[in-house]
Amino acid sequence: MLGARRLGAAFREDDKVDYLWVKEGFDLGDKALAFAPWGEVRFLGSKAKERDQKDRRLAASMNNDLQALFSDAFAKAGMRVVKNGAAVRVEGRIVDCSTGNTAAKILVGM
């Protein structure tokens, strides 16, 4: 996120994808997407050290699956997804995988 800000990117809405970190005027159009492996899970915040092994296992499991899940979902939505040579490289990371509230527990099936 900090790198995106230094490059002049901001959190913006898009018709095809809800939100993106992109520069003003960016348009996905029919650009091909390539999904990079997700980065290492990071736990941040005042309660980061309180995360138990169950939280850490869940985050690691989700992290391993996200690249493929997002790639498949975007392809099924009609976007062009390729393994290499895409105009747009999509990267992601789980930053805080808290299961401390009811909504989060429902979301992850706990």
Protein backbone atom coordinates (compact mmCIF):
# COMPACT_ATOMS: atom_id res chain seq x y z
CA MET A 1 0.00 0.00 0.00
CA LEU A 2 2.74 2.48 0.86
CA GLY A 3 4.50 1.71 -2.42
CA ALA A 4 1.25 2.30 -4.29
CA ARG A 5 0.85 5.71 -2.67
CA ARG A 6 4.40 6.70 -3.57
CA LEU A 7 3.58 5.89 -7.20
CA GLY A 8 0.55 8.19 -7.12
CA ALA A 9 -1.99 5.39 -6.76
CA ALA A 10 -5.12 5.66 -4.68
CA PHE A 11 -7.93 3.33 -3.63
CA ARG A 12 -10.45 3.71 -6.47
CA GLU A 13 -13.71 2.10 -7.59
CA ASP A 14 -13.97 0.24 -10.89
CA ASP A 15 -17.00 -1.12 -12.73
CA LYS A 16 -15.47 -4.58 -13.26
CA VAL A 17 -13.64 -4.90 -9.93
CA ASP A 18 -15.03 -3.16 -6.88
CA TYR A 19 -11.84 -1.42 -5.71
CA LEU A 20 -8.24 -1.14 -6.90
CA TRP A 21 -5.04 0.64 -5.88
CA VAL A 22 -4.37 2.46 -9.17
CA LYS A 23 -3.35 5.81 -10.61
CA GLU A 24 -5.95 8.38 -11.67
CA GLY A 25 -7.38 7.50 -15.09
CA PHE A 26 -6.51 3.79 -14.96
CA ASP A 27 -8.99 1.62 -16.86
CA LEU A 28 -8.94 -2.17 -16.84
CA GLY A 29 -10.63 -2.27 -20.23
CA ASP A 30 -9.83 -5.66 -21.73
CA LYS A 31 -6.35 -5.87 -20.19
CA ALA A 32 -5.15 -9.33 -19.23
CA LEU A 33 -4.62 -10.08 -15.53
CA ALA A 34 -1.98 -12.34 -13.98
CA PHE A 35 -2.36 -13.33 -10.34
CA ALA A 36 0.95 -13.48 -8.47
CA PRO A 37 1.37 -15.76 -5.46
CA TRP A 38 0.08 -14.05 -2.32
CA GLY A 39 2.71 -12.59 0.02
CA GLU A 40 3.45 -13.86 3.51
CA VAL A 41 0.61 -13.45 6.03
CA ARG A 42 1.12 -10.50 8.40
CA PHE A 43 -0.59 -9.94 11.72
CA LEU A 44 -0.63 -6.27 12.71
CA GLY A 45 -2.20 -4.12 15.37
CA SER A 46 -2.28 -4.04 19.12
CA LYS A 47 -3.62 -7.61 19.41
CA ALA A 48 -1.42 -9.22 16.75
CA LYS A 49 0.55 -11.22 19.31
CA GLU A 50 -2.70 -12.63 20.73
CA ARG A 51 -3.49 -14.56 17.54
CA ASP A 52 -3.55 -18.25 18.37
CA GLN A 53 -2.45 -21.21 16.25
CA LYS A 54 -5.99 -21.68 14.95
CA ASP A 55 -5.98 -18.12 13.56
CA ARG A 56 -2.52 -18.61 12.07
CA ARG A 57 -3.48 -21.93 10.45
CA LEU A 58 -6.65 -20.40 8.99
CA ALA A 59 -4.72 -17.44 7.58
CA ALA A 60 -2.06 -19.73 6.07
CA SER A 61 -4.72 -21.97 4.53
CA MET A 62 -6.61 -19.02 3.05
CA ASN A 63 -3.37 -17.49 1.82
CA ASN A 64 -2.47 -20.66 -0.08
CA ASP A 65 -5.82 -20.72 -1.88
CA LEU A 66 -6.42 -17.05 -2.71
CA GLN A 67 -4.35 -16.78 -5.89
CA ALA A 68 -6.24 -19.63 -7.56
CA LEU A 69 -9.64 -18.62 -6.16
CA PHE A 70 -9.36 -15.04 -7.38
CA SER A 71 -7.92 -16.10 -10.73
CA ASP A 72 -10.83 -18.52 -11.31
CA ALA A 73 -13.45 -16.01 -10.14
CA PHE A 74 -12.16 -13.22 -12.39
CA ALA A 75 -11.98 -15.59 -15.38
CA LYS A 76 -15.57 -16.77 -14.76
CA ALA A 77 -16.65 -13.12 -14.58
CA GLY A 78 -15.40 -12.69 -18.15
CA MET A 79 -12.05 -11.06 -17.51
CA ARG A 80 -8.97 -12.27 -19.38
CA VAL A 81 -6.65 -14.10 -16.98
CA VAL A 82 -3.24 -15.38 -18.10
CA LYS A 83 -0.26 -17.00 -16.36
CA ASN A 84 2.43 -14.74 -17.91
CA GLY A 85 2.71 -11.57 -19.95
CA ALA A 86 -0.32 -9.76 -18.55
CA ALA A 87 -0.72 -6.01 -18.66
CA VAL A 88 -1.83 -6.07 -15.01
CA ARG A 89 -0.11 -8.08 -12.28
CA VAL A 90 -2.45 -8.68 -9.35
CA GLU A 91 -0.82 -9.11 -5.94
CA GLY A 92 -2.38 -9.55 -2.55
CA ARG A 93 -1.71 -10.43 1.05
CA ILE A 94 -3.68 -11.28 4.17
CA VAL A 95 -2.67 -8.60 6.62
CA ASP A 96 -4.85 -9.28 9.66
CA CYS A 97 -6.93 -12.42 9.97
CA SER A 98 -8.95 -11.72 13.10
CA THR A 99 -11.71 -14.15 14.00
CA GLY A 100 -12.78 -12.09 16.99
CA ASN A 101 -16.22 -11.02 15.85
CA THR A 102 -19.36 -12.85 14.79
CA ALA A 103 -19.34 -11.54 11.21
CA ALA A 104 -15.79 -12.79 10.64
CA LYS A 105 -16.67 -16.19 12.09
CA ILE A 106 -19.68 -16.52 9.81
CA LEU A 107 -17.62 -15.42 6.81
CA VAL A 108 -14.98 -18.09 7.32
CA GLY A 109 -17.43 -20.80 8.39
CA MET A 110 -16.50 -21.11 12.06
